[in-house]
């Protein structure tokens, strides 16, 4: 995913430094929605430079600091297209297997229903917090640019996933309450 992110940024912006990529990724919160951490950029740039997918265009010096400016090569464009198609082919559905496993076997344990409810409340709060953070990111992005329709699809899908998971937690809570009443 990091390779696709780096190549995509270079295609969109032409030439960039690793620092500029990191800043763009941090402001877009790519670690949250894409699983790409800004700190992974420098390693990816070095490796892709060795592979001929990106090339060092310029070294800018400011005082004691130097900044490497990269651009994408024709091989990098081909790799981007390959990675793009592969990403469109892969399922974007990831099951919360630990929650499903816990729900499958909760009755075998000695954990009280109250403790389970508290744990579900923590998960619910975490999801609500992530949704708030994503909405704040969307609002910040909207202040600087008109968000393209294909990017709005991403936001809409993320919010729908959060809402679905919050509903599932409430359904679990309700089922556990029903189980205690029998």
N, C-alpha and C. Protein backbone atom coordinates (compact mmCIF):
# COMPACT_ATOMS: atom_id res chain seq x y z
N UNK A 1 0.81 -1.18 0.00
CA UNK A 1 0.00 0.00 0.00
C UNK A 1 0.87 1.27 0.00
N UNK A 2 2.00 1.21 0.68
CA UNK A 2 2.89 2.37 0.73
C UNK A 2 3.39 2.72 -0.66
N UNK A 3 3.72 1.69 -1.44
CA UNK A 3 4.21 1.93 -2.81
C UNK A 3 3.16 2.66 -3.64
N UNK A 4 1.92 2.21 -3.54
CA UNK A 4 0.83 2.85 -4.29
C UNK A 4 0.66 4.30 -3.84
N UNK A 5 0.77 4.53 -2.53
CA UNK A 5 0.62 5.88 -1.98
C UNK A 5 1.73 6.80 -2.50
N UNK A 6 2.97 6.34 -2.44
CA UNK A 6 4.11 7.16 -2.88
C UNK A 6 3.99 7.47 -4.38
N UNK A 7 3.74 6.44 -5.16
CA UNK A 7 3.64 6.65 -6.61
C UNK A 7 2.45 7.54 -6.95
N UNK A 8 1.34 7.36 -6.25
CA UNK A 8 0.16 8.21 -6.48
C UNK A 8 0.43 9.67 -6.15
N UNK A 9 1.11 9.90 -5.03
CA UNK A 9 1.45 11.28 -4.67
C UNK A 9 2.35 11.92 -5.72
N UNK A 10 3.32 11.15 -6.21
CA UNK A 10 4.22 11.70 -7.23
C UNK A 10 3.48 11.95 -8.54
N UNK A 11 2.54 11.09 -8.88
CA UNK A 11 1.75 11.33 -10.10
C UNK A 11 0.89 12.58 -9.95
N UNK A 12 0.30 12.76 -8.79
CA UNK A 12 -0.56 13.93 -8.57
C UNK A 12 0.22 15.23 -8.47
N UNK A 13 1.39 15.19 -7.85
CA UNK A 13 2.11 16.43 -7.54
C UNK A 13 3.36 16.65 -8.38
N UNK A 14 3.74 15.69 -9.18
CA UNK A 14 4.94 15.83 -9.99
C UNK A 14 6.18 15.45 -9.21
N UNK A 15 6.77 16.40 -8.56
CA UNK A 15 7.97 16.15 -7.77
C UNK A 15 7.68 16.48 -6.31
N UNK A 16 8.21 15.62 -5.42
CA UNK A 16 8.00 15.84 -3.98
C UNK A 16 9.19 15.29 -3.21
N UNK A 17 9.36 15.83 -2.04
CA UNK A 17 10.35 15.27 -1.11
C UNK A 17 9.63 14.29 -0.19
N UNK A 18 10.40 13.47 0.49
CA UNK A 18 9.82 12.57 1.46
C UNK A 18 9.08 13.32 2.55
N UNK A 19 9.65 14.45 2.97
CA UNK A 19 9.01 15.26 4.00
C UNK A 19 7.64 15.78 3.52
N UNK A 20 7.58 16.25 2.28
CA UNK A 20 6.31 16.75 1.75
C UNK A 20 5.27 15.62 1.68
N UNK A 21 5.74 14.43 1.32
CA UNK A 21 4.83 13.28 1.30
C UNK A 21 4.32 12.97 2.70
N UNK A 22 5.22 12.99 3.67
CA UNK A 22 4.83 12.75 5.05
C UNK A 22 3.78 13.75 5.51
N UNK A 23 4.00 15.02 5.20
CA UNK A 23 3.05 16.06 5.61
C UNK A 23 1.69 15.84 4.96
N UNK A 24 1.68 15.50 3.67
CA UNK A 24 0.42 15.25 2.96
C UNK A 24 -0.31 14.06 3.59
N UNK A 25 0.45 13.02 3.92
CA UNK A 25 -0.15 11.83 4.49
C UNK A 25 -0.67 12.08 5.91
N UNK A 26 0.06 12.84 6.69
CA UNK A 26 -0.39 13.14 8.05
C UNK A 26 -1.67 13.96 8.01
N UNK A 27 -1.73 14.94 7.13
CA UNK A 27 -2.94 15.76 7.07
C UNK A 27 -4.12 14.96 6.53
N UNK A 28 -3.87 13.97 5.69
CA UNK A 28 -4.94 13.13 5.15
C UNK A 28 -5.24 11.94 6.05
N UNK A 29 -4.48 11.76 7.12
CA UNK A 29 -4.67 10.66 8.07
C UNK A 29 -4.64 9.30 7.39
N UNK A 30 -3.66 9.10 6.51
CA UNK A 30 -3.59 7.85 5.75
C UNK A 30 -3.38 6.63 6.64
N UNK A 31 -2.81 6.84 7.81
CA UNK A 31 -2.65 5.69 8.72
C UNK A 31 -4.00 5.15 9.16
N UNK A 32 -5.02 6.00 9.21
CA UNK A 32 -6.36 5.59 9.64
C UNK A 32 -7.12 4.86 8.55
N UNK A 33 -7.18 5.41 7.35
CA UNK A 33 -8.04 4.84 6.32
C UNK A 33 -7.31 3.99 5.29
N UNK A 34 -6.00 4.11 5.20
CA UNK A 34 -5.26 3.34 4.20
C UNK A 34 -4.24 2.39 4.81
N UNK A 35 -4.01 2.52 6.10
CA UNK A 35 -3.01 1.67 6.74
C UNK A 35 -1.59 1.99 6.31
N UNK A 36 -1.39 3.20 5.81
CA UNK A 36 -0.06 3.63 5.38
C UNK A 36 0.43 4.68 6.37
N UNK A 37 1.54 4.37 7.00
CA UNK A 37 2.10 5.25 8.02
C UNK A 37 3.12 6.20 7.39
N UNK A 38 3.02 7.49 7.69
CA UNK A 38 3.94 8.46 7.10
C UNK A 38 5.42 8.10 7.28
N UNK A 39 5.77 7.46 8.38
CA UNK A 39 7.18 7.12 8.63
C UNK A 39 7.72 6.08 7.65
N UNK A 40 6.84 5.39 6.92
CA UNK A 40 7.28 4.35 5.98
C UNK A 40 7.77 4.92 4.64
N UNK A 41 7.62 6.21 4.46
CA UNK A 41 7.91 6.84 3.18
C UNK A 41 9.39 6.77 2.79
N UNK A 42 10.27 7.07 3.71
CA UNK A 42 11.69 7.16 3.36
C UNK A 42 12.26 5.81 2.91
N UNK A 43 11.90 4.76 3.61
CA UNK A 43 12.35 3.42 3.22
C UNK A 43 11.80 3.08 1.83
N UNK A 44 10.51 3.36 1.62
CA UNK A 44 9.89 3.07 0.32
C UNK A 44 10.56 3.86 -0.80
N UNK A 45 10.85 5.13 -0.56
CA UNK A 45 11.51 5.95 -1.58
C UNK A 45 12.88 5.39 -1.95
N UNK A 46 13.67 5.02 -0.94
CA UNK A 46 15.00 4.45 -1.22
C UNK A 46 14.89 3.17 -2.04
N UNK A 47 13.97 2.31 -1.63
CA UNK A 47 13.81 1.02 -2.32
C UNK A 47 13.31 1.24 -3.75
N UNK A 48 12.33 2.11 -3.93
CA UNK A 48 11.79 2.35 -5.27
C UNK A 48 12.80 3.09 -6.14
N UNK A 49 13.67 3.89 -5.54
CA UNK A 49 14.74 4.53 -6.30
C UNK A 49 15.70 3.46 -6.81
N UNK A 50 16.06 2.50 -5.96
CA UNK A 50 16.93 1.39 -6.37
C UNK A 50 16.30 0.54 -7.47
N UNK A 51 14.97 0.43 -7.44
CA UNK A 51 14.24 -0.37 -8.44
C UNK A 51 13.96 0.40 -9.73
N UNK A 52 14.26 1.69 -9.74
CA UNK A 52 14.03 2.49 -10.93
C UNK A 52 12.60 2.97 -11.09
N UNK A 53 11.81 2.94 -10.02
CA UNK A 53 10.42 3.38 -10.09
C UNK A 53 10.27 4.87 -9.82
N UNK A 54 11.19 5.40 -9.04
CA UNK A 54 11.28 6.84 -8.80
C UNK A 54 12.74 7.23 -9.03
N UNK A 55 12.94 8.52 -9.25
CA UNK A 55 14.33 8.98 -9.40
C UNK A 55 14.53 10.27 -8.64
N UNK A 56 15.73 10.41 -8.15
CA UNK A 56 16.12 11.61 -7.45
C UNK A 56 16.33 12.70 -8.49
N UNK A 57 15.55 13.76 -8.40
CA UNK A 57 15.63 14.85 -9.37
C UNK A 57 16.54 15.97 -8.92
N UNK A 58 16.56 16.19 -7.60
CA UNK A 58 17.26 17.36 -7.12
C UNK A 58 17.53 17.21 -5.62
N UNK A 59 18.61 17.81 -5.17
CA UNK A 59 18.90 17.90 -3.74
C UNK A 59 18.88 19.38 -3.39
N UNK A 60 17.94 19.76 -2.54
CA UNK A 60 17.85 21.15 -2.10
C UNK A 60 18.52 21.27 -0.75
N UNK A 61 19.34 22.30 -0.59
CA UNK A 61 20.05 22.51 0.66
C UNK A 61 19.59 23.80 1.31
N UNK A 62 19.23 23.69 2.58
CA UNK A 62 18.84 24.85 3.38
C UNK A 62 19.61 24.77 4.67
N UNK A 63 20.62 25.60 4.82
CA UNK A 63 21.46 25.54 6.00
C UNK A 63 22.16 24.19 6.08
N UNK A 64 21.99 23.50 7.20
CA UNK A 64 22.60 22.19 7.38
C UNK A 64 21.70 21.05 6.90
N UNK A 65 20.54 21.39 6.40
CA UNK A 65 19.59 20.36 5.97
C UNK A 65 19.61 20.22 4.46
N UNK A 66 19.38 18.98 4.03
CA UNK A 66 19.21 18.75 2.60
C UNK A 66 17.92 17.99 2.39
N UNK A 67 17.29 18.26 1.26
CA UNK A 67 15.99 17.66 0.96
C UNK A 67 16.08 17.05 -0.42
N UNK A 68 15.81 15.72 -0.49
CA UNK A 68 15.83 15.00 -1.76
C UNK A 68 14.46 15.13 -2.42
N UNK A 69 14.45 15.57 -3.66
CA UNK A 69 13.22 15.73 -4.42
C UNK A 69 13.14 14.59 -5.44
N UNK A 70 12.02 13.85 -5.40
CA UNK A 70 11.84 12.69 -6.27
C UNK A 70 10.74 12.92 -7.30
N UNK A 71 10.84 12.18 -8.39
CA UNK A 71 9.76 12.13 -9.38
C UNK A 71 9.57 10.68 -9.79
N UNK A 72 8.47 10.41 -10.42
CA UNK A 72 8.15 9.05 -10.85
C UNK A 72 8.75 8.80 -12.24
N UNK A 73 9.19 7.58 -12.50
CA UNK A 73 9.74 7.21 -13.80
C UNK A 73 8.64 6.52 -14.62
N UNK A 74 8.94 6.21 -15.87
CA UNK A 74 7.97 5.49 -16.69
C UNK A 74 7.72 4.09 -16.12
N UNK A 75 8.75 3.44 -15.58
CA UNK A 75 8.55 2.16 -14.91
C UNK A 75 7.68 2.33 -13.66
N UNK A 76 7.84 3.45 -12.98
CA UNK A 76 7.01 3.75 -11.82
C UNK A 76 5.55 3.93 -12.20
N UNK A 77 5.31 4.55 -13.35
CA UNK A 77 3.93 4.71 -13.84
C UNK A 77 3.30 3.35 -14.13
N UNK A 78 4.08 2.47 -14.73
CA UNK A 78 3.58 1.11 -15.00
C UNK A 78 3.29 0.37 -13.70
N UNK A 79 4.19 0.51 -12.73
CA UNK A 79 4.00 -0.13 -11.43
C UNK A 79 2.77 0.45 -10.73
N UNK A 80 2.57 1.75 -10.84
CA UNK A 80 1.38 2.37 -10.25
C UNK A 80 0.12 1.77 -10.84
N UNK A 81 0.06 1.66 -12.16
CA UNK A 81 -1.13 1.09 -12.81
C UNK A 81 -1.36 -0.35 -12.37
N UNK A 82 -0.28 -1.13 -12.25
CA UNK A 82 -0.39 -2.52 -11.80
C UNK A 82 -0.93 -2.58 -10.37
N UNK A 83 -0.37 -1.75 -9.50
CA UNK A 83 -0.81 -1.72 -8.10
C UNK A 83 -2.25 -1.22 -7.98
N UNK A 84 -2.61 -0.26 -8.82
CA UNK A 84 -3.97 0.28 -8.80
C UNK A 84 -4.98 -0.81 -9.14
N UNK A 85 -4.71 -1.54 -10.22
CA UNK A 85 -5.63 -2.62 -10.62
C UNK A 85 -5.69 -3.72 -9.56
N UNK A 86 -4.56 -4.07 -8.98
CA UNK A 86 -4.53 -5.08 -7.92
C UNK A 86 -5.37 -4.62 -6.74
N UNK A 87 -5.28 -3.35 -6.40
CA UNK A 87 -6.04 -2.82 -5.27
C UNK A 87 -7.54 -2.83 -5.55
N UNK A 88 -7.93 -2.55 -6.78
CA UNK A 88 -9.35 -2.60 -7.13
C UNK A 88 -9.89 -4.03 -7.10
N UNK A 89 -9.01 -5.01 -7.32
CA UNK A 89 -9.42 -6.42 -7.33
C UNK A 89 -9.59 -6.98 -5.92
N UNK A 90 -8.84 -6.47 -4.97
CA UNK A 90 -8.85 -7.02 -3.61
C UNK A 90 -10.12 -6.60 -2.86
N UNK A 91 -10.61 -7.51 -2.04
CA UNK A 91 -11.78 -7.20 -1.22
C UNK A 91 -11.43 -6.13 -0.19
N UNK A 92 -12.33 -5.22 0.00
CA UNK A 92 -12.12 -4.18 1.02
C UNK A 92 -12.83 -4.55 2.32
N UNK A 93 -13.40 -5.73 2.38
CA UNK A 93 -14.10 -6.18 3.58
C UNK A 93 -13.13 -6.95 4.47
N UNK A 94 -12.99 -6.48 5.69
CA UNK A 94 -12.18 -7.17 6.68
C UNK A 94 -13.07 -7.47 7.87
N UNK A 95 -13.13 -8.72 8.21
CA UNK A 95 -14.00 -9.10 9.32
C UNK A 95 -13.32 -8.85 10.66
N UNK A 96 -14.05 -8.37 11.64
CA UNK A 96 -13.49 -8.20 12.99
C UNK A 96 -13.45 -9.55 13.70
N UNK A 97 -12.53 -10.39 13.30
CA UNK A 97 -12.50 -11.78 13.76
C UNK A 97 -12.39 -11.92 15.27
N UNK A 98 -11.68 -11.04 15.94
CA UNK A 98 -11.57 -11.19 17.39
C UNK A 98 -12.92 -10.97 18.06
N UNK A 99 -13.70 -10.03 17.58
CA UNK A 99 -15.03 -9.80 18.15
C UNK A 99 -15.93 -10.99 17.86
N UNK A 100 -15.88 -11.50 16.64
CA UNK A 100 -16.72 -12.65 16.28
C UNK A 100 -16.34 -13.86 17.13
N UNK A 101 -15.06 -14.06 17.33
CA UNK A 101 -14.62 -15.20 18.15
C UNK A 101 -15.07 -15.03 19.59
N UNK A 102 -14.92 -13.83 20.12
CA UNK A 102 -15.36 -13.57 21.49
C UNK A 102 -16.85 -13.81 21.64
N UNK A 103 -17.63 -13.35 20.68
CA UNK A 103 -19.07 -13.51 20.74
C UNK A 103 -19.46 -14.99 20.63
N UNK A 104 -18.74 -15.74 19.84
CA UNK A 104 -19.00 -17.16 19.68
C UNK A 104 -18.85 -17.91 21.00
N UNK A 105 -17.83 -17.54 21.78
CA UNK A 105 -17.49 -18.33 22.97
C UNK A 105 -17.75 -17.61 24.30
N UNK A 106 -18.39 -16.46 24.29
CA UNK A 106 -18.51 -15.70 25.54
C UNK A 106 -19.21 -16.50 26.64
N UNK A 107 -20.17 -17.33 26.28
CA UNK A 107 -20.94 -18.08 27.27
C UNK A 107 -20.09 -19.12 27.99
N UNK A 108 -19.00 -19.54 27.38
CA UNK A 108 -18.13 -20.54 27.99
C UNK A 108 -17.25 -19.93 29.08
N UNK A 109 -17.11 -18.62 29.07
CA UNK A 109 -16.22 -17.96 30.03
C UNK A 109 -16.95 -17.57 31.30
N UNK A 110 -16.19 -16.97 32.18
CA UNK A 110 -16.74 -16.53 33.47
C UNK A 110 -16.84 -15.01 33.56
N UNK A 111 -16.61 -14.35 32.45
CA UNK A 111 -16.68 -12.89 32.43
C UNK A 111 -18.14 -12.47 32.60
N UNK A 112 -18.36 -11.51 33.47
CA UNK A 112 -19.74 -11.06 33.72
C UNK A 112 -20.26 -10.26 32.54
N UNK A 113 -21.56 -10.27 32.41
CA UNK A 113 -22.21 -9.49 31.35
C UNK A 113 -21.91 -8.00 31.51
N UNK A 114 -21.83 -7.55 32.77
CA UNK A 114 -21.51 -6.14 33.02
C UNK A 114 -20.12 -5.79 32.47
N UNK A 115 -19.15 -6.69 32.68
CA UNK A 115 -17.80 -6.45 32.15
C UNK A 115 -17.81 -6.43 30.63
N UNK A 116 -18.58 -7.32 30.04
CA UNK A 116 -18.68 -7.35 28.57
C UNK A 116 -19.31 -6.06 28.07
N UNK A 117 -20.36 -5.60 28.75
CA UNK A 117 -21.00 -4.34 28.36
C UNK A 117 -20.01 -3.17 28.44
N UNK A 118 -19.19 -3.15 29.50
CA UNK A 118 -18.19 -2.08 29.62
C UNK A 118 -17.17 -2.16 28.47
N UNK A 119 -16.76 -3.37 28.13
CA UNK A 119 -15.81 -3.54 27.03
C UNK A 119 -16.44 -3.09 25.71
N UNK A 120 -17.71 -3.44 25.51
CA UNK A 120 -18.41 -2.99 24.28
C UNK A 120 -18.55 -1.48 24.27
N UNK A 121 -18.80 -0.88 25.44
CA UNK A 121 -18.88 0.58 25.52
C UNK A 121 -17.55 1.23 25.14
N UNK A 122 -16.45 0.61 25.56
CA UNK A 122 -15.13 1.14 25.18
C UNK A 122 -14.93 1.06 23.67
N UNK A 123 -15.33 -0.07 23.09
CA UNK A 123 -15.20 -0.19 21.63
C UNK A 123 -16.09 0.84 20.93
N UNK A 124 -17.30 1.00 21.43
CA UNK A 124 -18.23 1.97 20.85
C UNK A 124 -17.64 3.38 20.91
N UNK A 125 -17.05 3.74 22.05
CA UNK A 125 -16.43 5.06 22.21
C UNK A 125 -15.25 5.22 21.24
N UNK A 126 -14.48 4.16 21.09
CA UNK A 126 -13.34 4.21 20.17
C UNK A 126 -13.80 4.43 18.73
N UNK A 127 -14.83 3.72 18.32
CA UNK A 127 -15.36 3.88 16.96
C UNK A 127 -15.92 5.28 16.78
N UNK A 128 -16.68 5.77 17.76
CA UNK A 128 -17.24 7.12 17.67
C UNK A 128 -16.12 8.16 17.58
N UNK A 129 -15.05 7.95 18.32
CA UNK A 129 -13.91 8.87 18.28
C UNK A 129 -13.24 8.84 16.90
N UNK A 130 -13.07 7.64 16.34
CA UNK A 130 -12.48 7.54 14.99
C UNK A 130 -13.37 8.23 13.96
N UNK A 131 -14.69 8.08 14.10
CA UNK A 131 -15.61 8.72 13.16
C UNK A 131 -15.52 10.24 13.29
N UNK A 132 -15.46 10.74 14.52
CA UNK A 132 -15.32 12.19 14.72
C UNK A 132 -14.03 12.70 14.10
N UNK A 133 -12.95 11.95 14.28
CA UNK A 133 -11.66 12.34 13.71
C UNK A 133 -11.73 12.36 12.18
N UNK A 134 -12.38 11.36 11.60
CA UNK A 134 -12.52 11.31 10.15
C UNK A 134 -13.36 12.47 9.64
N UNK A 135 -14.43 12.79 10.34
CA UNK A 135 -15.29 13.92 9.94
C UNK A 135 -14.54 15.24 10.04
N UNK A 136 -13.71 15.38 11.07
CA UNK A 136 -12.90 16.59 11.20
C UNK A 136 -11.90 16.68 10.06
N UNK A 137 -11.32 15.55 9.69
CA UNK A 137 -10.39 15.53 8.55
C UNK A 137 -11.08 15.90 7.26
N UNK A 138 -12.29 15.40 7.07
CA UNK A 138 -13.06 15.74 5.87
C UNK A 138 -13.36 17.23 5.85
N UNK A 139 -13.77 17.77 6.97
CA UNK A 139 -14.08 19.20 7.05
C UNK A 139 -12.84 20.05 6.76
N UNK A 140 -11.70 19.65 7.31
CA UNK A 140 -10.46 20.38 7.06
C UNK A 140 -10.09 20.33 5.59
N UNK A 141 -10.25 19.16 4.98
CA UNK A 141 -9.95 19.02 3.56
C UNK A 141 -10.88 19.89 2.72
N UNK A 142 -12.14 19.94 3.11
CA UNK A 142 -13.13 20.73 2.37
C UNK A 142 -12.84 22.23 2.44
N UNK A 143 -12.15 22.68 3.49
CA UNK A 143 -11.79 24.09 3.59
C UNK A 143 -10.77 24.50 2.54
N UNK A 144 -9.92 23.55 2.12
CA UNK A 144 -8.84 23.87 1.20
C UNK A 144 -9.15 23.52 -0.25
N UNK A 145 -10.13 22.63 -0.45
CA UNK A 145 -10.40 22.20 -1.81
C UNK A 145 -11.80 21.61 -1.90
N UNK A 146 -12.31 21.56 -3.11
CA UNK A 146 -13.55 20.84 -3.33
C UNK A 146 -13.20 19.36 -3.39
N UNK A 147 -13.84 18.57 -2.56
CA UNK A 147 -13.51 17.14 -2.49
C UNK A 147 -14.14 16.45 -3.69
N UNK A 148 -13.33 15.77 -4.49
CA UNK A 148 -13.86 15.09 -5.69
C UNK A 148 -14.89 14.02 -5.32
N UNK A 149 -15.85 13.77 -6.19
CA UNK A 149 -16.89 12.77 -5.90
C UNK A 149 -16.34 11.38 -5.55
N UNK A 150 -15.26 10.95 -6.21
CA UNK A 150 -14.72 9.63 -5.91
C UNK A 150 -14.11 9.58 -4.51
N UNK A 151 -13.62 10.69 -4.01
CA UNK A 151 -13.09 10.74 -2.65
C UNK A 151 -14.25 10.80 -1.66
N UNK A 152 -15.33 11.47 -2.02
CA UNK A 152 -16.52 11.51 -1.16
C UNK A 152 -17.09 10.10 -0.98
N UNK A 153 -16.95 9.25 -2.00
CA UNK A 153 -17.38 7.86 -1.87
C UNK A 153 -16.62 7.17 -0.74
N UNK A 154 -15.35 7.47 -0.61
CA UNK A 154 -14.54 6.89 0.46
C UNK A 154 -15.09 7.32 1.81
N UNK A 155 -15.29 8.62 1.98
CA UNK A 155 -15.83 9.11 3.25
C UNK A 155 -17.18 8.47 3.56
N UNK A 156 -18.07 8.42 2.58
CA UNK A 156 -19.39 7.84 2.78
C UNK A 156 -19.29 6.38 3.21
N UNK A 157 -18.42 5.63 2.57
CA UNK A 157 -18.27 4.21 2.90
C UNK A 157 -17.69 4.03 4.30
N UNK A 158 -16.72 4.84 4.65
CA UNK A 158 -16.13 4.75 6.00
C UNK A 158 -17.20 5.02 7.06
N UNK A 159 -18.00 6.07 6.85
CA UNK A 159 -19.04 6.39 7.82
C UNK A 159 -20.08 5.27 7.91
N UNK A 160 -20.42 4.67 6.77
CA UNK A 160 -21.37 3.56 6.77
C UNK A 160 -20.81 2.36 7.53
N UNK A 161 -19.50 2.10 7.38
CA UNK A 161 -18.87 1.00 8.10
C UNK A 161 -18.88 1.26 9.61
N UNK A 162 -18.56 2.49 9.99
CA UNK A 162 -18.62 2.84 11.41
C UNK A 162 -20.03 2.66 11.96
N UNK A 163 -21.03 3.16 11.22
CA UNK A 163 -22.42 3.06 11.67
C UNK A 163 -22.85 1.59 11.78
N UNK A 164 -22.44 0.78 10.83
CA UNK A 164 -22.78 -0.64 10.86
C UNK A 164 -22.17 -1.33 12.08
N UNK A 165 -20.93 -0.99 12.38
CA UNK A 165 -20.27 -1.60 13.54
C UNK A 165 -20.91 -1.12 14.84
N UNK A 166 -21.29 0.16 14.91
CA UNK A 166 -21.97 0.66 16.11
C UNK A 166 -23.32 -0.03 16.30
N UNK A 167 -24.03 -0.26 15.22
CA UNK A 167 -25.30 -0.99 15.31
C UNK A 167 -25.06 -2.42 15.77
N UNK A 168 -24.02 -3.06 15.25
CA UNK A 168 -23.70 -4.42 15.65
C UNK A 168 -23.42 -4.50 17.15
N UNK A 169 -22.70 -3.52 17.67
CA UNK A 169 -22.42 -3.49 19.12
C UNK A 169 -23.72 -3.38 19.90
N UNK A 170 -24.61 -2.51 19.44
CA UNK A 170 -25.91 -2.39 20.12
C UNK A 170 -26.70 -3.69 20.03
N UNK A 171 -26.64 -4.37 18.89
CA UNK A 171 -27.32 -5.66 18.75
C UNK A 171 -26.74 -6.69 19.71
N UNK A 172 -25.43 -6.68 19.90
CA UNK A 172 -24.80 -7.60 20.85
C UNK A 172 -25.28 -7.29 22.26
N UNK A 173 -25.26 -6.02 22.61
CA UNK A 173 -25.71 -5.61 23.94
C UNK A 173 -27.14 -6.09 24.18
N UNK A 174 -28.01 -5.89 23.21
CA UNK A 174 -29.41 -6.29 23.33
C UNK A 174 -29.52 -7.81 23.49
N UNK A 175 -28.77 -8.55 22.69
CA UNK A 175 -28.80 -10.02 22.77
C UNK A 175 -28.30 -10.52 24.13
N UNK A 176 -27.27 -9.87 24.65
CA UNK A 176 -26.77 -10.26 25.97
C UNK A 176 -27.78 -9.98 27.07
N UNK A 177 -28.49 -8.84 26.95
CA UNK A 177 -29.54 -8.53 27.92
C UNK A 177 -30.67 -9.55 27.83
N UNK A 178 -31.05 -9.91 26.63
CA UNK A 178 -32.09 -10.90 26.43
C UNK A 178 -31.67 -12.24 27.03
N UNK A 179 -30.41 -12.59 26.87
CA UNK A 179 -29.90 -13.86 27.39
C UNK A 179 -29.92 -13.89 28.91
N UNK A 180 -29.72 -12.75 29.54
CA UNK A 180 -29.74 -12.68 31.01
C UNK A 180 -31.16 -12.76 31.57
N UNK A 181 -32.15 -12.48 30.74
CA UNK A 181 -33.54 -12.47 31.22
C UNK A 181 -34.18 -13.85 31.13
N UNK A 182 -33.50 -14.82 30.51
CA UNK A 182 -34.09 -16.15 30.38
C UNK A 182 -33.70 -17.05 31.52
